[in-house]
C-alpha atoms as a PDB file:
ATOM      1  CA  MET A   1      46.523 179.074 193.633  1.00  0.00           C
ATOM      2  CA  ARG A   2      48.420 176.454 191.647  1.00  0.00           C
ATOM      3  CA  LYS A   3      51.101 178.987 190.643  1.00  0.00           C
ATOM      4  CA  SER A   4      51.671 179.993 194.266  1.00  0.00           C
ATOM      5  CA  LYS A   5      52.067 176.319 195.362  1.00  0.00           C
ATOM      6  CA  THR A   6      54.599 175.761 192.585  1.00  0.00           C
ATOM      7  CA  PHE A   7      56.429 178.946 193.524  1.00  0.00           C
ATOM      8  CA  PHE A   8      56.645 177.977 197.218  1.00  0.00           C
ATOM      9  CA  ALA A   9      57.729 174.429 196.362  1.00  0.00           C
ATOM     10  CA  ALA A  10      60.484 175.775 194.103  1.00  0.00           C
ATOM     11  CA  LEU A  11      61.518 178.288 196.784  1.00  0.00           C
ATOM     12  CA  ALA A  12      61.646 175.554 199.450  1.00  0.00           C
ATOM     13  CA  LEU A  13      63.748 173.330 197.170  1.00  0.00           C
ATOM     14  CA  ALA A  14      66.138 176.191 196.428  1.00  0.00           C
ATOM     15  CA  LEU A  15      66.551 176.904 200.147  1.00  0.00           C
ATOM     16  CA  VAL A  16      67.220 173.237 200.896  1.00  0.00           C
ATOM     17  CA  LEU A  17      69.834 173.070 198.141  1.00  0.00           C
ATOM     18  CA  LEU A  18      71.451 176.306 199.303  1.00  0.00           C
ATOM     19  CA  GLY A  19      71.581 175.016 202.885  1.00  0.00           C
ATOM     20  CA  ALA A  20      73.076 171.699 201.761  1.00  0.00           C
ATOM     21  CA  GLY A  21      75.719 173.507 199.721  1.00  0.00           C
ATOM     22  CA  LEU A  22      76.660 175.732 202.633  1.00  0.00           C
ATOM     23  CA  ALA A  23      76.840 172.770 205.019  1.00  0.00           C
ATOM     24  CA  TYR A  24      79.046 170.858 202.573  1.00  0.00           C
ATOM     25  CA  GLY A  25      81.391 173.837 202.294  1.00  0.00           C
ATOM     26  CA  LEU A  26      81.690 174.091 206.063  1.00  0.00           C
ATOM     27  CA  LEU A  27      82.581 170.434 206.546  1.00  0.00           C
ATOM     28  CA  SER A  28      86.285 169.592 206.858  1.00  0.00           C
ATOM     29  CA  PRO A  29      87.957 167.857 203.906  1.00  0.00           C
ATOM     30  CA  GLU A  30      88.461 164.768 206.100  1.00  0.00           C
ATOM     31  CA  SER A  31      84.742 164.447 206.791  1.00  0.00           C
ATOM     32  CA  ARG A  32      84.019 164.695 203.060  1.00  0.00           C
ATOM     33  CA  GLY A  33      86.331 161.716 202.424  1.00  0.00           C
ATOM     34  CA  GLY A  34      89.350 163.678 201.240  1.00  0.00           C
ATOM     35  CA  TYR A  35      92.588 164.674 202.847  1.00  0.00           C
ATOM     36  CA  ALA A  36      93.606 168.083 201.672  1.00  0.00           C
ATOM     37  CA  PRO A  37      95.031 170.821 203.850  1.00  0.00           C
ATOM     38  CA  THR A  38      93.677 174.137 202.635  1.00  0.00           C
ATOM     39  CA  ALA A  39      96.756 176.309 203.112  1.00  0.00           C
ATOM     40  CA  PRO A  40     100.358 175.149 203.311  1.00  0.00           C
ATOM     41  CA  ALA A  41     102.628 176.390 206.079  1.00  0.00           C
ATOM     42  CA  ALA A  42     105.578 176.238 203.719  1.00  0.00           C
ATOM     43  CA  SER A  43     105.009 175.854 200.034  1.00  0.00           C
ATOM     44  CA  VAL A  44     107.268 173.529 198.122  1.00  0.00           C
ATOM     45  CA  GLU A  45     107.580 175.250 194.787  1.00  0.00           C
ATOM     46  CA  ALA A  46     109.400 173.149 192.267  1.00  0.00           C
ATOM     47  CA  GLU A  47     109.522 172.418 188.610  1.00  0.00           C
ATOM     48  CA  GLU A  48     107.049 169.895 187.223  1.00  0.00           C
ATOM     49  CA  SER A  49     108.089 166.475 188.634  1.00  0.00           C
ATOM     50  CA  ALA A  50     111.536 166.859 187.108  1.00  0.00           C
ATOM     51  CA  GLY A  51     113.331 168.549 189.924  1.00  0.00           C
ATOM     52  CA  ALA A  52     113.075 170.986 192.719  1.00  0.00           C
ATOM     53  CA  GLY A  53     116.434 172.605 192.401  1.00  0.00           C
ATOM     54  CA  ASN A  54     117.860 173.201 195.839  1.00  0.00           C
ATOM     55  CA  ALA A  55     114.758 174.074 197.848  1.00  0.00           C
ATOM     56  CA  ALA A  56     115.173 173.242 201.532  1.00  0.00           C
ATOM     57  CA  ALA A  57     112.908 170.387 202.580  1.00  0.00           C
ATOM     58  CA  PRO A  58     110.406 171.668 205.162  1.00  0.00           C
ATOM     59  CA  ASP A  59     110.902 169.980 208.519  1.00  0.00           C
ATOM     60  CA  PHE A  60     107.937 168.427 210.341  1.00  0.00           C
ATOM     61  CA  PRO A  61     107.225 165.956 213.143  1.00  0.00           C
ATOM     62  CA  MET A  62     105.741 162.505 212.623  1.00  0.00           C
ATOM     63  CA  LEU A  63     105.256 159.409 214.735  1.00  0.00           C
ATOM     64  CA  ASN A  64     107.263 156.231 214.261  1.00  0.00           C
ATOM     65  CA  ALA A  65     105.921 152.693 214.795  1.00  0.00           C
ATOM     66  CA  ASP A  66     106.597 152.987 218.549  1.00  0.00           C
ATOM     67  CA  GLY A  67     104.534 156.188 218.806  1.00  0.00           C
ATOM     68  CA  GLU A  68     107.640 158.334 219.334  1.00  0.00           C
ATOM     69  CA  THR A  69     107.935 161.707 217.663  1.00  0.00           C
ATOM     70  CA  VAL A  70     110.676 161.985 215.067  1.00  0.00           C
ATOM     71  CA  ARG A  71     111.376 164.825 212.677  1.00  0.00           C
ATOM     72  CA  LEU A  72     112.475 164.870 209.059  1.00  0.00           C
ATOM     73  CA  SER A  73     115.563 166.807 210.208  1.00  0.00           C
ATOM     74  CA  ASP A  74     116.598 163.778 212.313  1.00  0.00           C
ATOM     75  CA  PHE A  75     117.589 162.139 209.023  1.00  0.00           C
ATOM     76  CA  GLN A  76     119.806 164.962 207.738  1.00  0.00           C
ATOM     77  CA  GLY A  77     123.090 163.558 206.465  1.00  0.00           C
ATOM     78  CA  THR A  78     121.277 160.655 204.778  1.00  0.00           C
ATOM     79  CA  PRO A  79     119.362 160.761 201.489  1.00  0.00           C
ATOM     80  CA  VAL A  80     115.613 160.500 202.137  1.00  0.00           C
ATOM     81  CA  VAL A  81     112.677 159.149 200.172  1.00  0.00           C
ATOM     82  CA  LEU A  82     109.617 160.853 201.680  1.00  0.00           C
ATOM     83  CA  ASN A  83     106.314 159.394 200.517  1.00  0.00           C
ATOM     84  CA  PHE A  84     102.846 160.546 201.610  1.00  0.00           C
ATOM     85  CA  TRP A  85     100.184 157.868 201.180  1.00  0.00           C
ATOM     86  CA  ALA A  86      97.013 156.306 202.586  1.00  0.00           C
ATOM     87  CA  THR A  87      95.552 152.798 202.543  1.00  0.00           C
ATOM     88  CA  TRP A  88      92.331 154.050 200.879  1.00  0.00           C
ATOM     89  CA  CYS A  89      94.310 155.320 197.865  1.00  0.00           C
ATOM     90  CA  PRO A  90      94.484 152.781 194.975  1.00  0.00           C
ATOM     91  CA  PRO A  91      97.530 154.427 193.281  1.00  0.00           C
ATOM     92  CA  CYS A  92      99.324 154.410 196.660  1.00  0.00           C
ATOM     93  CA  ARG A  93      98.621 150.725 197.125  1.00  0.00           C
ATOM     94  CA  GLY A  94      99.853 150.106 193.580  1.00  0.00           C
ATOM     95  CA  GLU A  95     103.289 151.615 194.185  1.00  0.00           C
ATOM     96  CA  LEU A  96     103.919 150.213 197.678  1.00  0.00           C
ATOM     97  CA  PRO A  97     105.445 146.942 196.387  1.00  0.00           C
ATOM     98  CA  TYR A  98     108.089 149.065 194.613  1.00  0.00           C
ATOM     99  CA  PHE A  99     108.840 150.917 197.849  1.00  0.00           C
ATOM    100  CA  ASN A 100     109.134 147.604 199.678  1.00  0.00           C
ATOM    101  CA  GLU A 101     111.567 146.293 197.075  1.00  0.00           C
ATOM    102  CA  ALA A 102     113.566 149.559 197.035  1.00  0.00           C
ATOM    103  CA  TYR A 103     113.751 149.531 200.826  1.00  0.00           C
ATOM    104  CA  ALA A 104     115.244 146.021 200.690  1.00  0.00           C
ATOM    105  CA  ASP A 105     117.774 147.167 198.061  1.00  0.00           C
ATOM    106  CA  TYR A 106     118.672 150.645 199.393  1.00  0.00           C
ATOM    107  CA  GLY A 107     117.505 150.761 203.016  1.00  0.00           C
ATOM    108  CA  ASP A 108     121.080 150.689 204.311  1.00  0.00           C
ATOM    109  CA  ARG A 109     121.965 153.875 202.355  1.00  0.00           C
ATOM    110  CA  VAL A 110     118.670 155.766 202.092  1.00  0.00           C
ATOM    111  CA  ALA A 111     116.086 156.637 204.759  1.00  0.00           C
ATOM    112  CA  PHE A 112     112.598 155.641 203.636  1.00  0.00           C
ATOM    113  CA  LEU A 113     109.966 157.808 205.333  1.00  0.00           C
ATOM    114  CA  ILE A 114     106.798 156.173 204.052  1.00  0.00           C
ATOM    115  CA  THR A 115     104.393 158.522 205.804  1.00  0.00           C
ATOM    116  CA  ASP A 116     100.743 157.631 206.199  1.00  0.00           C
ATOM    117  CA  LEU A 117      98.169 160.433 206.323  1.00  0.00           C
ATOM    118  CA  THR A 118      96.643 159.207 209.563  1.00  0.00           C
ATOM    119  CA  ASP A 119      93.499 161.208 210.348  1.00  0.00           C
ATOM    120  CA  GLY A 120      92.227 158.921 213.122  1.00  0.00           C
ATOM    121  CA  GLN A 121      88.908 158.372 211.352  1.00  0.00           C
ATOM    122  CA  GLN A 122      89.214 157.110 207.809  1.00  0.00           C
ATOM    123  CA  GLU A 123      92.889 156.215 208.339  1.00  0.00           C
ATOM    124  CA  THR A 124      94.028 154.835 211.711  1.00  0.00           C
ATOM    125  CA  VAL A 125      97.319 153.515 213.071  1.00  0.00           C
ATOM    126  CA  GLU A 126      95.659 150.166 213.804  1.00  0.00           C
ATOM    127  CA  GLY A 127      94.244 149.949 210.286  1.00  0.00           C
ATOM    128  CA  VAL A 128      97.623 150.773 208.732  1.00  0.00           C
ATOM    129  CA  ARG A 129      99.382 148.165 210.882  1.00  0.00           C
ATOM    130  CA  ALA A 130      96.861 145.536 209.781  1.00  0.00           C
ATOM    131  CA  PHE A 131      97.313 146.595 206.132  1.00  0.00           C
ATOM    132  CA  MET A 132     101.113 146.346 206.429  1.00  0.00           C
ATOM    133  CA  ALA A 133     100.953 142.882 208.027  1.00  0.00           C
ATOM    134  CA  GLU A 134      98.400 141.645 205.495  1.00  0.00           C
ATOM    135  CA  ASN A 135     100.649 142.684 202.613  1.00  0.00           C
ATOM    136  CA  GLY A 136     103.953 141.614 204.169  1.00  0.00           C
ATOM    137  CA  TYR A 137     105.625 145.009 203.759  1.00  0.00           C
ATOM    138  CA  SER A 138     108.875 145.492 205.669  1.00  0.00           C
ATOM    139  CA  PHE A 139     109.598 149.195 205.156  1.00  0.00           C
ATOM    140  CA  PRO A 140     109.084 151.431 208.186  1.00  0.00           C
ATOM    141  CA  VAL A 141     105.869 153.433 208.319  1.00  0.00           C
ATOM    142  CA  TYR A 142     105.558 156.863 209.882  1.00  0.00           C
ATOM    143  CA  TYR A 143     102.306 158.543 210.819  1.00  0.00           C
ATOM    144  CA  ASP A 144     101.412 162.149 209.997  1.00  0.00           C
ATOM    145  CA  ALA A 145      98.741 162.132 212.711  1.00  0.00           C
ATOM    146  CA  GLN A 146      98.475 165.927 212.980  1.00  0.00           C
ATOM    147  CA  ALA A 147      98.712 166.561 209.211  1.00  0.00           C
ATOM    148  CA  GLU A 148     101.826 168.665 209.799  1.00  0.00           C
ATOM    149  CA  GLY A 149     103.761 166.986 206.998  1.00  0.00           C
ATOM    150  CA  ALA A 150     100.844 167.203 204.594  1.00  0.00           C
ATOM    151  CA  TYR A 151     100.487 170.868 205.523  1.00  0.00           C
ATOM    152  CA  ALA A 152     104.214 171.640 205.196  1.00  0.00           C
ATOM    153  CA  TYR A 153     104.354 170.040 201.749  1.00  0.00           C
ATOM    154  CA  ALA A 154     100.924 171.285 200.613  1.00  0.00           C
ATOM    155  CA  VAL A 155      99.846 167.705 199.922  1.00  0.00           C
ATOM    156  CA  ASN A 156      96.453 167.792 198.270  1.00  0.00           C
ATOM    157  CA  ALA A 157      96.785 164.537 196.333  1.00  0.00           C
ATOM    158  CA  VAL A 158      98.377 161.216 197.170  1.00  0.00           C
ATOM    159  CA  PRO A 159     100.654 159.566 196.562  1.00  0.00           C
ATOM    160  CA  ALA A 160     103.248 162.320 196.723  1.00  0.00           C
ATOM    161  CA  THR A 161     106.946 161.449 196.870  1.00  0.00           C
ATOM    162  CA  TYR A 162     109.890 163.754 197.587  1.00  0.00           C
ATOM    163  CA  PHE A 163     113.515 162.810 197.047  1.00  0.00           C
ATOM    164  CA  ILE A 164     115.656 164.718 199.521  1.00  0.00           C
ATOM    165  CA  GLY A 165     119.442 164.873 199.388  1.00  0.00           C
ATOM    166  CA  ALA A 166     121.697 164.256 202.370  1.00  0.00           C
ATOM    167  CA  ASP A 167     122.080 168.054 202.576  1.00  0.00           C
ATOM    168  CA  GLY A 168     118.343 168.459 203.280  1.00  0.00           C
ATOM    169  CA  THR A 169     117.342 169.869 199.897  1.00  0.00           C
ATOM    170  CA  ILE A 170     114.576 168.549 197.669  1.00  0.00           C
ATOM    171  CA  ARG A 171     116.157 167.088 194.559  1.00  0.00           C
ATOM    172  CA  SER A 172     112.974 165.954 192.813  1.00  0.00           C
ATOM    173  CA  TYR A 173     109.395 164.981 193.502  1.00  0.00           C
ATOM    174  CA  GLN A 174     106.467 163.163 191.960  1.00  0.00           C
ATOM    175  CA  ILE A 175     102.777 163.738 192.540  1.00  0.00           C
ATOM    176  CA  GLY A 176     101.021 160.514 191.603  1.00  0.00           C
ATOM    177  CA  ALA A 177     102.131 156.916 191.505  1.00  0.00           C
ATOM    178  CA  LEU A 178     105.711 156.052 190.635  1.00  0.00           C
ATOM    179  CA  SER A 179     106.744 153.206 188.404  1.00  0.00           C
ATOM    180  CA  ARG A 180     109.484 150.915 189.673  1.00  0.00           C
ATOM    181  CA  GLU A 181     111.879 152.401 187.105  1.00  0.00           C
ATOM    182  CA  ALA A 182     111.119 155.993 188.123  1.00  0.00           C
ATOM    183  CA  LEU A 183     111.554 155.180 191.819  1.00  0.00           C
ATOM    184  CA  TYR A 184     114.869 153.402 191.289  1.00  0.00           C
ATOM    185  CA  GLY A 185     116.097 156.142 188.942  1.00  0.00           C
ATOM    186  CA  ALA A 186     115.325 158.885 191.471  1.00  0.00           C
ATOM    187  CA  ILE A 187     117.050 156.920 194.249  1.00  0.00           C
ATOM    188  CA  GLU A 188     120.130 156.381 192.084  1.00  0.00           C
ATOM    189  CA  SER A 189     120.222 160.140 191.395  1.00  0.00           C
ATOM    190  CA  LEU A 190     120.104 160.804 195.138  1.00  0.00           C
ATOM    191  CA  LEU A 191     123.098 158.555 195.682  1.00  0.00           C
ATOM    192  CA  GLU A 192     125.260 160.149 192.955  1.00  0.00           C
END
């Protein structure tokens, strides 16, 4: 009798754990606290952080501060710093002062597309606006509200920064936080 109770208890526990694992797997990445598209529409294949050669930068729509749709291609003819970030990301928050400083120094020659991964739940437009005001940042923020940019660039970790030439090709990129020196160096390379 005791062996059968132990067996049924172990079986019940195994079924509960199996059910929990299946439910976890079915949940979206956003509901698990992450932000990771599962399959990119256009893969950006490039060499390790050093450079991307001349790969065309995938175009995608995003919202500006006024809620208007703009596209990456709207900035063709101007070098672009494209950064994917979120307020909940400590490394993102750590590099934002460098982006603010670089925007003040280069904003008249380089388009800064500091693009928030706005999922409407964990990351909202209102929350980002409050964060920007609280920190006194002046660079423009764009919102990837439909995850089209994250999908196009296969963003599965933030921050992720792409340096795009005026011709629309990816010159280099960095997954992870940038130092001030690395950011300024990549911008100078874009302007050469």
